[in-house]
Amino acid sequence: MISPYMFWKRFDELKNDTLKEICRKNNIRYDRLLHNRSDCRFPKAEDLLLLAEAVGSSAEYLLTGKYSYPERVKRIADALVNVSEEKLSSVESLIGLEEI
């Protein structure tokens, strides 16, 4: 669902710094963002992109809650859905995820 409330909720889940600190580090006007937030409105497009980058996300995820993966990654993920545990372990080891 695309709503300002859900946008800010997802943003809060991802942020490690205060909003004021994020604004300072990314050259975003804090007063404008605070006003957007308190009125439950989306930030301006350029601020949205800076906020997404600041929390290591995409604007699409912040807006919709959906991740967008490259087609190649989707194809690989789809191929791994029904493979054996042994093959999954091999893939994890190959890409350095054996500790998870």
PDB file of N, CA and C in Angstrom:
ATOM      1  N   MET A   1       0.835  -1.181   0.000  1.00  0.00           N
ATOM      2  CA  MET A   1       0.000   0.000   0.000  1.00  0.00           C
ATOM      3  C   MET A   1       0.884   1.250   0.000  1.00  0.00           C
ATOM      4  N   ILE A   2       0.559   2.177  -0.849  1.00  0.00           N
ATOM      5  CA  ILE A   2       1.322   3.417  -0.914  1.00  0.00           C
ATOM      6  C   ILE A   2       0.587   4.468  -0.092  1.00  0.00           C
ATOM      7  N   SER A   3       1.154   4.777   1.054  1.00  0.00           N
ATOM      8  CA  SER A   3       0.583   5.821   1.908  1.00  0.00           C
ATOM      9  C   SER A   3       1.719   6.499   2.649  1.00  0.00           C
ATOM     10  N   PRO A   4       1.556   7.776   2.957  1.00  0.00           N
ATOM     11  CA  PRO A   4       2.605   8.469   3.712  1.00  0.00           C
ATOM     12  C   PRO A   4       2.871   7.815   5.068  1.00  0.00           C
ATOM     13  N   TYR A   5       1.819   7.347   5.720  1.00  0.00           N
ATOM     14  CA  TYR A   5       1.997   6.705   7.025  1.00  0.00           C
ATOM     15  C   TYR A   5       2.915   5.495   6.913  1.00  0.00           C
ATOM     16  N   MET A   6       2.656   4.624   5.919  1.00  0.00           N
ATOM     17  CA  MET A   6       3.483   3.426   5.748  1.00  0.00           C
ATOM     18  C   MET A   6       4.892   3.791   5.303  1.00  0.00           C
ATOM     19  N   PHE A   7       5.017   4.838   4.487  1.00  0.00           N
ATOM     20  CA  PHE A   7       6.343   5.309   4.102  1.00  0.00           C
ATOM     21  C   PHE A   7       7.162   5.631   5.341  1.00  0.00           C
ATOM     22  N   TRP A   8       6.613   6.454   6.227  1.00  0.00           N
ATOM     23  CA  TRP A   8       7.358   6.872   7.424  1.00  0.00           C
ATOM     24  C   TRP A   8       7.606   5.698   8.368  1.00  0.00           C
ATOM     25  N   LYS A   9       6.662   4.765   8.422  1.00  0.00           N
ATOM     26  CA  LYS A   9       6.849   3.585   9.265  1.00  0.00           C
ATOM     27  C   LYS A   9       8.025   2.742   8.754  1.00  0.00           C
ATOM     28  N   ARG A  10       8.070   2.494   7.443  1.00  0.00           N
ATOM     29  CA  ARG A  10       9.182   1.721   6.882  1.00  0.00           C
ATOM     30  C   ARG A  10      10.507   2.466   7.068  1.00  0.00           C
ATOM     31  N   PHE A  11      10.473   3.776   6.869  1.00  0.00           N
ATOM     32  CA  PHE A  11      11.672   4.588   7.059  1.00  0.00           C
ATOM     33  C   PHE A  11      12.193   4.441   8.491  1.00  0.00           C
ATOM     34  N   ASP A  12      11.299   4.543   9.465  1.00  0.00           N
ATOM     35  CA  ASP A  12      11.690   4.419  10.873  1.00  0.00           C
ATOM     36  C   ASP A  12      12.295   3.059  11.192  1.00  0.00           C
ATOM     37  N   GLU A  13      11.779   2.016  10.562  1.00  0.00           N
ATOM     38  CA  GLU A  13      12.299   0.668  10.803  1.00  0.00           C
ATOM     39  C   GLU A  13      13.730   0.513  10.311  1.00  0.00           C
ATOM     40  N   LEU A  14      14.110   1.284   9.300  1.00  0.00           N
ATOM     41  CA  LEU A  14      15.433   1.147   8.689  1.00  0.00           C
ATOM     42  C   LEU A  14      16.478   2.126   9.215  1.00  0.00           C
ATOM     43  N   LYS A  15      16.049   3.237   9.772  1.00  0.00           N
ATOM     44  CA  LYS A  15      17.010   4.278  10.147  1.00  0.00           C
ATOM     45  C   LYS A  15      17.755   3.936  11.425  1.00  0.00           C
ATOM     46  N   ASN A  16      19.015   4.337  11.454  1.00  0.00           N
ATOM     47  CA  ASN A  16      19.849   4.146  12.644  1.00  0.00           C
ATOM     48  C   ASN A  16      20.106   5.459  13.360  1.00  0.00           C
ATOM     49  N   ASP A  17      20.004   6.563  12.638  1.00  0.00           N
ATOM     50  CA  ASP A  17      20.226   7.894  13.215  1.00  0.00           C
ATOM     51  C   ASP A  17      18.887   8.597  13.413  1.00  0.00           C
ATOM     52  N   THR A  18      18.917   9.698  14.125  1.00  0.00           N
ATOM     53  CA  THR A  18      17.720  10.512  14.258  1.00  0.00           C
ATOM     54  C   THR A  18      17.429  11.185  12.923  1.00  0.00           C
ATOM     55  N   LEU A  19      16.213  11.615  12.750  1.00  0.00           N
ATOM     56  CA  LEU A  19      15.843  12.316  11.524  1.00  0.00           C
ATOM     57  C   LEU A  19      16.683  13.575  11.351  1.00  0.00           C
ATOM     58  N   LYS A  20      16.920  14.255  12.429  1.00  0.00           N
ATOM     59  CA  LYS A  20      17.726  15.484  12.374  1.00  0.00           C
ATOM     60  C   LYS A  20      19.144  15.177  11.899  1.00  0.00           C
ATOM     61  N   GLU A  21      19.718  14.107  12.390  1.00  0.00           N
ATOM     62  CA  GLU A  21      21.078  13.716  11.997  1.00  0.00           C
ATOM     63  C   GLU A  21      21.113  13.274  10.533  1.00  0.00           C
ATOM     64  N   ILE A  22      20.117  12.526  10.101  1.00  0.00           N
ATOM     65  CA  ILE A  22      20.047  12.102   8.703  1.00  0.00           C
ATOM     66  C   ILE A  22      19.957  13.322   7.797  1.00  0.00           C
ATOM     67  N   CYS A  23      19.138  14.291   8.179  1.00  0.00           N
ATOM     68  CA  CYS A  23      19.004  15.522   7.384  1.00  0.00           C
ATOM     69  C   CYS A  23      20.330  16.274   7.319  1.00  0.00           C
ATOM     70  N   ARG A  24      21.003  16.365   8.445  1.00  0.00           N
ATOM     71  CA  ARG A  24      22.277  17.077   8.477  1.00  0.00           C
ATOM     72  C   ARG A  24      23.305  16.407   7.570  1.00  0.00           C
ATOM     73  N   LYS A  25      23.400  15.085   7.651  1.00  0.00           N
ATOM     74  CA  LYS A  25      24.390  14.339   6.867  1.00  0.00           C
ATOM     75  C   LYS A  25      24.091  14.349   5.369  1.00  0.00           C
ATOM     76  N   ASN A  26      22.832  14.520   5.003  1.00  0.00           N
ATOM     77  CA  ASN A  26      22.439  14.403   3.600  1.00  0.00           C
ATOM     78  C   ASN A  26      21.943  15.702   2.985  1.00  0.00           C
ATOM     79  N   ASN A  27      22.188  16.797   3.696  1.00  0.00           N
ATOM     80  CA  ASN A  27      21.834  18.120   3.186  1.00  0.00           C
ATOM     81  C   ASN A  27      20.349  18.232   2.819  1.00  0.00           C
ATOM     82  N   ILE A  28      19.494  17.773   3.736  1.00  0.00           N
ATOM     83  CA  ILE A  28      18.041  17.860   3.578  1.00  0.00           C
ATOM     84  C   ILE A  28      17.532  18.844   4.624  1.00  0.00           C
ATOM     85  N   ARG A  29      16.600  19.671   4.246  1.00  0.00           N
ATOM     86  CA  ARG A  29      16.051  20.633   5.199  1.00  0.00           C
ATOM     87  C   ARG A  29      15.216  19.911   6.255  1.00  0.00           C
ATOM     88  N   TYR A  30      15.669  19.940   7.480  1.00  0.00           N
ATOM     89  CA  TYR A  30      15.005  19.242   8.579  1.00  0.00           C
ATOM     90  C   TYR A  30      13.612  19.800   8.824  1.00  0.00           C
ATOM     91  N   ASP A  31      13.469  21.119   8.819  1.00  0.00           N
ATOM     92  CA  ASP A  31      12.161  21.707   9.101  1.00  0.00           C
ATOM     93  C   ASP A  31      11.118  21.275   8.078  1.00  0.00           C
ATOM     94  N   ARG A  32      11.493  21.196   6.805  1.00  0.00           N
ATOM     95  CA  ARG A  32      10.568  20.766   5.758  1.00  0.00           C
ATOM     96  C   ARG A  32      10.180  19.300   5.947  1.00  0.00           C
ATOM     97  N   LEU A  33      11.163  18.455   6.257  1.00  0.00           N
ATOM     98  CA  LEU A  33      10.889  17.039   6.450  1.00  0.00           C
ATOM     99  C   LEU A  33      10.039  16.799   7.689  1.00  0.00           C
ATOM    100  N   LEU A  34      10.320  17.515   8.736  1.00  0.00           N
ATOM    101  CA  LEU A  34       9.541  17.394   9.961  1.00  0.00           C
ATOM    102  C   LEU A  34       8.091  17.804   9.702  1.00  0.00           C
ATOM    103  N   HIS A  35       7.905  18.849   8.911  1.00  0.00           N
ATOM    104  CA  HIS A  35       6.563  19.300   8.567  1.00  0.00           C
ATOM    105  C   HIS A  35       5.842  18.228   7.730  1.00  0.00           C
ATOM    106  N   ASN A  36       6.533  17.646   6.753  1.00  0.00           N
ATOM    107  CA  ASN A  36       5.945  16.566   5.955  1.00  0.00           C
ATOM    108  C   ASN A  36       5.513  15.410   6.847  1.00  0.00           C
ATOM    109  N   ARG A  37       6.384  15.059   7.743  1.00  0.00           N
ATOM    110  CA  ARG A  37       6.112  13.926   8.613  1.00  0.00           C
ATOM    111  C   ARG A  37       4.941  14.200   9.546  1.00  0.00           C
ATOM    112  N   SER A  38       4.929  15.360  10.177  1.00  0.00           N
ATOM    113  CA  SER A  38       3.867  15.666  11.129  1.00  0.00           C
ATOM    114  C   SER A  38       2.511  15.815  10.439  1.00  0.00           C
ATOM    115  N   ASP A  39       2.522  16.215   9.156  1.00  0.00           N
ATOM    116  CA  ASP A  39       1.274  16.319   8.391  1.00  0.00           C
ATOM    117  C   ASP A  39       0.954  15.022   7.644  1.00  0.00           C
ATOM    118  N   CYS A  40       1.751  13.998   7.862  1.00  0.00           N
ATOM    119  CA  CYS A  40       1.614  12.693   7.205  1.00  0.00           C
ATOM    120  C   CYS A  40       1.552  12.862   5.691  1.00  0.00           C
ATOM    121  N   ARG A  41       2.610  13.494   5.171  1.00  0.00           N
ATOM    122  CA  ARG A  41       2.757  13.687   3.734  1.00  0.00           C
ATOM    123  C   ARG A  41       4.082  13.084   3.287  1.00  0.00           C
ATOM    124  N   PHE A  42       4.144  12.764   1.997  1.00  0.00           N
ATOM    125  CA  PHE A  42       5.394  12.279   1.433  1.00  0.00           C
ATOM    126  C   PHE A  42       6.394  13.424   1.337  1.00  0.00           C
ATOM    127  N   PRO A  43       7.686  13.119   1.443  1.00  0.00           N
ATOM    128  CA  PRO A  43       8.699  14.149   1.186  1.00  0.00           C
ATOM    129  C   PRO A  43       8.771  14.443  -0.307  1.00  0.00           C
ATOM    130  N   LYS A  44       9.417  15.549  -0.642  1.00  0.00           N
ATOM    131  CA  LYS A  44       9.657  15.865  -2.054  1.00  0.00           C
ATOM    132  C   LYS A  44      10.466  14.730  -2.670  1.00  0.00           C
ATOM    133  N   ALA A  45      10.355  14.569  -3.982  1.00  0.00           N
ATOM    134  CA  ALA A  45      11.017  13.457  -4.682  1.00  0.00           C
ATOM    135  C   ALA A  45      12.517  13.424  -4.420  1.00  0.00           C
ATOM    136  N   GLU A  46      13.167  14.588  -4.496  1.00  0.00           N
ATOM    137  CA  GLU A  46      14.618  14.587  -4.278  1.00  0.00           C
ATOM    138  C   GLU A  46      14.972  14.220  -2.843  1.00  0.00           C
ATOM    139  N   ASP A  47      14.136  14.630  -1.878  1.00  0.00           N
ATOM    140  CA  ASP A  47      14.360  14.240  -0.488  1.00  0.00           C
ATOM    141  C   ASP A  47      14.106  12.751  -0.295  1.00  0.00           C
ATOM    142  N   LEU A  48      13.094  12.240  -0.956  1.00  0.00           N
ATOM    143  CA  LEU A  48      12.782  10.815  -0.887  1.00  0.00           C
ATOM    144  C   LEU A  48      13.970   9.976  -1.327  1.00  0.00           C
ATOM    145  N   LEU A  49      14.588  10.355  -2.439  1.00  0.00           N
ATOM    146  CA  LEU A  49      15.745   9.607  -2.931  1.00  0.00           C
ATOM    147  C   LEU A  49      16.918   9.685  -1.965  1.00  0.00           C
ATOM    148  N   LEU A  50      17.144  10.856  -1.387  1.00  0.00           N
ATOM    149  CA  LEU A  50      18.229  11.009  -0.406  1.00  0.00           C
ATOM    150  C   LEU A  50      17.948  10.197   0.857  1.00  0.00           C
ATOM    151  N   LEU A  51      16.700  10.181   1.302  1.00  0.00           N
ATOM    152  CA  LEU A  51      16.338   9.401   2.496  1.00  0.00           C
ATOM    153  C   LEU A  51      16.519   7.909   2.249  1.00  0.00           C
ATOM    154  N   ALA A  52      16.111   7.447   1.077  1.00  0.00           N
ATOM    155  CA  ALA A  52      16.264   6.031   0.751  1.00  0.00           C
ATOM    156  C   ALA A  52      17.740   5.637   0.771  1.00  0.00           C
ATOM    157  N   GLU A  53      18.568   6.461   0.166  1.00  0.00           N
ATOM    158  CA  GLU A  53      20.002   6.189   0.160  1.00  0.00           C
ATOM    159  C   GLU A  53      20.571   6.215   1.572  1.00  0.00           C
ATOM    160  N   ALA A  54      20.098   7.137   2.391  1.00  0.00           N
ATOM    161  CA  ALA A  54      20.607   7.293   3.763  1.00  0.00           C
ATOM    162  C   ALA A  54      20.326   6.063   4.625  1.00  0.00           C
ATOM    163  N   VAL A  55      19.223   5.365   4.346  1.00  0.00           N
ATOM    164  CA  VAL A  55      18.896   4.179   5.143  1.00  0.00           C
ATOM    165  C   VAL A  55      19.214   2.881   4.409  1.00  0.00           C
ATOM    166  N   GLY A  56      19.912   2.993   3.264  1.00  0.00           N
ATOM    167  CA  GLY A  56      20.333   1.799   2.521  1.00  0.00           C
ATOM    168  C   GLY A  56      19.186   1.049   1.887  1.00  0.00           C
ATOM    169  N   SER A  57      18.228   1.775   1.377  1.00  0.00           N
ATOM    170  CA  SER A  57      17.053   1.163   0.785  1.00  0.00           C
ATOM    171  C   SER A  57      16.802   1.766  -0.586  1.00  0.00           C
ATOM    172  N   SER A  58      15.701   1.361  -1.187  1.00  0.00           N
ATOM    173  CA  SER A  58      15.278   1.978  -2.436  1.00  0.00           C
ATOM    174  C   SER A  58      14.045   2.822  -2.157  1.00  0.00           C
ATOM    175  N   ALA A  59      13.821   3.802  -3.000  1.00  0.00           N
ATOM    176  CA  ALA A  59      12.602   4.604  -2.879  1.00  0.00           C
ATOM    177  C   ALA A  59      11.382   3.703  -3.065  1.00  0.00           C
ATOM    178  N   GLU A  60      11.499   2.732  -3.958  1.00  0.00           N
ATOM    179  CA  GLU A  60      10.387   1.815  -4.196  1.00  0.00           C
ATOM    180  C   GLU A  60       9.997   1.076  -2.918  1.00  0.00           C
ATOM    181  N   TYR A  61      10.988   0.588  -2.175  1.00  0.00           N
ATOM    182  CA  TYR A  61      10.663  -0.117  -0.940  1.00  0.00           C
ATOM    183  C   TYR A  61      10.009   0.821   0.066  1.00  0.00           C
ATOM    184  N   LEU A  62      10.548   2.003   0.241  1.00  0.00           N
ATOM    185  CA  LEU A  62       9.963   2.935   1.200  1.00  0.00           C
ATOM    186  C   LEU A  62       8.525   3.286   0.825  1.00  0.00           C
ATOM    187  N   LEU A  63       8.246   3.383  -0.457  1.00  0.00           N
ATOM    188  CA  LEU A  63       6.897   3.743  -0.904  1.00  0.00           C
ATOM    189  C   LEU A  63       5.927   2.570  -0.891  1.00  0.00           C
ATOM    190  N   THR A  64       6.394   1.395  -1.300  1.00  0.00           N
ATOM    191  CA  THR A  64       5.477   0.266  -1.510  1.00  0.00           C
ATOM    192  C   THR A  64       5.677  -0.912  -0.564  1.00  0.00           C
ATOM    193  N   GLY A  65       6.854  -1.006   0.030  1.00  0.00           N
ATOM    194  CA  GLY A  65       7.155  -2.175   0.852  1.00  0.00           C
ATOM    195  C   GLY A  65       7.665  -3.348   0.037  1.00  0.00           C
ATOM    196  N   LYS A  66       7.848  -3.141  -1.266  1.00  0.00           N
ATOM    197  CA  LYS A  66       8.324  -4.214  -2.140  1.00  0.00           C
ATOM    198  C   LYS A  66       9.750  -3.923  -2.590  1.00  0.00           C
ATOM    199  N   TYR A  67      10.553  -4.974  -2.606  1.00  0.00           N
ATOM    200  CA  TYR A  67      11.910  -4.847  -3.124  1.00  0.00           C
ATOM    201  C   TYR A  67      11.895  -5.138  -4.615  1.00  0.00           C
ATOM    202  N   SER A  68      12.724  -4.462  -5.324  1.00  0.00           N
ATOM    203  CA  SER A  68      12.861  -4.705  -6.752  1.00  0.00           C
ATOM    204  C   SER A  68      14.236  -5.331  -6.980  1.00  0.00           C
ATOM    205  N   TYR A  69      14.228  -6.549  -7.446  1.00  0.00           N
ATOM    206  CA  TYR A  69      15.479  -7.249  -7.705  1.00  0.00           C
ATOM    207  C   TYR A  69      15.755  -7.273  -9.198  1.00  0.00           C
ATOM    208  N   PRO A  70      17.012  -7.243  -9.586  1.00  0.00           N
ATOM    209  CA  PRO A  70      17.329  -7.382 -11.009  1.00  0.00           C
ATOM    210  C   PRO A  70      16.812  -8.724 -11.536  1.00  0.00           C
ATOM    211  N   GLU A  71      16.486  -8.766 -12.799  1.00  0.00           N
ATOM    212  CA  GLU A  71      15.920  -9.974 -13.423  1.00  0.00           C
ATOM    213  C   GLU A  71      16.809 -11.194 -13.210  1.00  0.00           C
ATOM    214  N   ARG A  72      18.104 -11.007 -13.265  1.00  0.00           N
ATOM    215  CA  ARG A  72      19.037 -12.126 -13.078  1.00  0.00           C
ATOM    216  C   ARG A  72      18.925 -12.702 -11.661  1.00  0.00           C
ATOM    217  N   VAL A  73      18.799 -11.838 -10.670  1.00  0.00           N
ATOM    218  CA  VAL A  73      18.658 -12.291  -9.280  1.00  0.00           C
ATOM    219  C   VAL A  73      17.331 -13.017  -9.101  1.00  0.00           C
ATOM    220  N   LYS A  74      16.263 -12.512  -9.705  1.00  0.00           N
ATOM    221  CA  LYS A  74      14.958 -13.180  -9.621  1.00  0.00           C
ATOM    222  C   LYS A  74      15.038 -14.589 -10.203  1.00  0.00           C
ATOM    223  N   ARG A  75      15.701 -14.713 -11.354  1.00  0.00           N
ATOM    224  CA  ARG A  75      15.816 -16.017 -12.016  1.00  0.00           C
ATOM    225  C   ARG A  75      16.569 -17.005 -11.122  1.00  0.00           C
ATOM    226  N   ILE A  76      17.639 -16.551 -10.495  1.00  0.00           N
ATOM    227  CA  ILE A  76      18.421 -17.425  -9.609  1.00  0.00           C
ATOM    228  C   ILE A  76      17.604 -17.810  -8.383  1.00  0.00           C
ATOM    229  N   ALA A  77      16.928 -16.825  -7.782  1.00  0.00           N
ATOM    230  CA  ALA A  77      16.102 -17.100  -6.602  1.00  0.00           C
ATOM    231  C   ALA A  77      15.000 -18.099  -6.927  1.00  0.00           C
ATOM    232  N   ASP A  78      14.342 -17.926  -8.058  1.00  0.00           N
ATOM    233  CA  ASP A  78      13.283 -18.856  -8.469  1.00  0.00           C
ATOM    234  C   ASP A  78      13.831 -20.266  -8.639  1.00  0.00           C
ATOM    235  N   ALA A  79      15.041 -20.389  -9.175  1.00  0.00           N
ATOM    236  CA  ALA A  79      15.646 -21.703  -9.392  1.00  0.00           C
ATOM    237  C   ALA A  79      15.987 -22.387  -8.066  1.00  0.00           C
ATOM    238  N   LEU A  80      16.198 -21.618  -7.015  1.00  0.00           N
ATOM    239  CA  LEU A  80      16.599 -22.193  -5.727  1.00  0.00           C
ATOM    240  C   LEU A  80      15.424 -22.591  -4.836  1.00  0.00           C
ATOM    241  N   VAL A  81      14.228 -22.256  -5.231  1.00  0.00           N
ATOM    242  CA  VAL A  81      13.060 -22.507  -4.381  1.00  0.00           C
ATOM    243  C   VAL A  81      12.893 -23.974  -4.023  1.00  0.00           C
ATOM    244  N   ASN A  82      13.044 -24.862  -4.965  1.00  0.00           N
ATOM    245  CA  ASN A  82      12.763 -26.277  -4.715  1.00  0.00           C
ATOM    246  C   ASN A  82      13.995 -27.174  -4.767  1.00  0.00           C
ATOM    247  N   VAL A  83      15.187 -26.632  -4.504  1.00  0.00           N
ATOM    248  CA  VAL A  83      16.381 -27.476  -4.536  1.00  0.00           C
ATOM    249  C   VAL A  83      16.601 -28.121  -3.174  1.00  0.00           C
ATOM    250  N   SER A  84      17.439 -29.124  -3.175  1.00  0.00           N
ATOM    251  CA  SER A  84      17.712 -29.862  -1.941  1.00  0.00           C
ATOM    252  C   SER A  84      18.477 -28.993  -0.935  1.00  0.00           C
ATOM    253  N   GLU A  85      18.430 -29.410   0.299  1.00  0.00           N
ATOM    254  CA  GLU A  85      19.151 -28.713   1.364  1.00  0.00           C
ATOM    255  C   GLU A  85      20.649 -28.721   1.097  1.00  0.00           C
ATOM    256  N   GLU A  86      21.131 -29.808   0.549  1.00  0.00           N
ATOM    257  CA  GLU A  86      22.558 -29.924   0.223  1.00  0.00           C
ATOM    258  C   GLU A  86      22.975 -28.865  -0.811  1.00  0.00           C
ATOM    259  N   LYS A  87      22.167 -28.703  -1.853  1.00  0.00           N
ATOM    260  CA  LYS A  87      22.481 -27.700  -2.867  1.00  0.00           C
ATOM    261  C   LYS A  87      22.381 -26.281  -2.303  1.00  0.00           C
ATOM    262  N   LEU A  88      21.387 -26.032  -1.463  1.00  0.00           N
ATOM    263  CA  LEU A  88      21.274 -24.711  -0.838  1.00  0.00           C
ATOM    264  C   LEU A  88      22.498 -24.406   0.018  1.00  0.00           C
ATOM    265  N   SER A  89      22.957 -25.401   0.755  1.00  0.00           N
ATOM    266  CA  SER A  89      24.151 -25.222   1.579  1.00  0.00           C
ATOM    267  C   SER A  89      25.372 -24.927   0.721  1.00  0.00           C
ATOM    268  N   SER A  90      25.457 -25.606  -0.414  1.00  0.00           N
ATOM    269  CA  SER A  90      26.574 -25.360  -1.335  1.00  0.00           C
ATOM    270  C   SER A  90      26.540 -23.940  -1.881  1.00  0.00           C
ATOM    271  N   VAL A  91      25.357 -23.463  -2.235  1.00  0.00           N
ATOM    272  CA  VAL A  91      25.218 -22.100  -2.752  1.00  0.00           C
ATOM    273  C   VAL A  91      25.576 -21.091  -1.659  1.00  0.00           C
ATOM    274  N   GLU A  92      25.093 -21.313  -0.453  1.00  0.00           N
ATOM    275  CA  GLU A  92      25.419 -20.421   0.669  1.00  0.00           C
ATOM    276  C   GLU A  92      26.922 -20.358   0.901  1.00  0.00           C
ATOM    277  N   SER A  93      27.548 -21.511   0.863  1.00  0.00           N
ATOM    278  CA  SER A  93      28.993 -21.569   1.048  1.00  0.00           C
ATOM    279  C   SER A  93      29.716 -20.824  -0.069  1.00  0.00           C
ATOM    280  N   LEU A  94      29.257 -21.011  -1.297  1.00  0.00           N
ATOM    281  CA  LEU A  94      29.865 -20.382  -2.463  1.00  0.00           C
ATOM    282  C   LEU A  94      29.828 -18.850  -2.370  1.00  0.00           C
ATOM    283  N   ILE A  95      28.727 -18.317  -1.844  1.00  0.00           N
ATOM    284  CA  ILE A  95      28.610 -16.847  -1.778  1.00  0.00           C
ATOM    285  C   ILE A  95      28.923 -16.283  -0.389  1.00  0.00           C
ATOM    286  N   GLY A  96      29.457 -17.146   0.480  1.00  0.00           N
ATOM    287  CA  GLY A  96      29.929 -16.669   1.778  1.00  0.00           C
ATOM    288  C   GLY A  96      28.869 -16.504   2.835  1.00  0.00           C
ATOM    289  N   LEU A  97      27.783 -17.294   2.765  1.00  0.00           N
ATOM    290  CA  LEU A  97      26.710 -17.193   3.753  1.00  0.00           C
ATOM    291  C   LEU A  97      26.628 -18.401   4.667  1.00  0.00           C
ATOM    292  N   GLU A  98      27.678 -19.180   4.728  1.00  0.00           N
ATOM    293  CA  GLU A  98      27.616 -20.414   5.502  1.00  0.00           C
ATOM    294  C   GLU A  98      27.421 -20.189   6.996  1.00  0.00           C
ATOM    295  N   GLU A  99      27.655 -18.990   7.499  1.00  0.00           N
ATOM    296  CA  GLU A  99      27.529 -18.739   8.924  1.00  0.00           C
ATOM    297  C   GLU A  99      26.121 -18.354   9.329  1.00  0.00           C
ATOM    298  N   ILE A 100      25.240 -18.122   8.375  1.00  0.00           N
ATOM    299  CA  ILE A 100      23.868 -17.678   8.685  1.00  0.00           C
ATOM    300  C   ILE A 100      23.014 -18.835   9.112  1.00  0.00           C
TER     301      ILE A 100
END
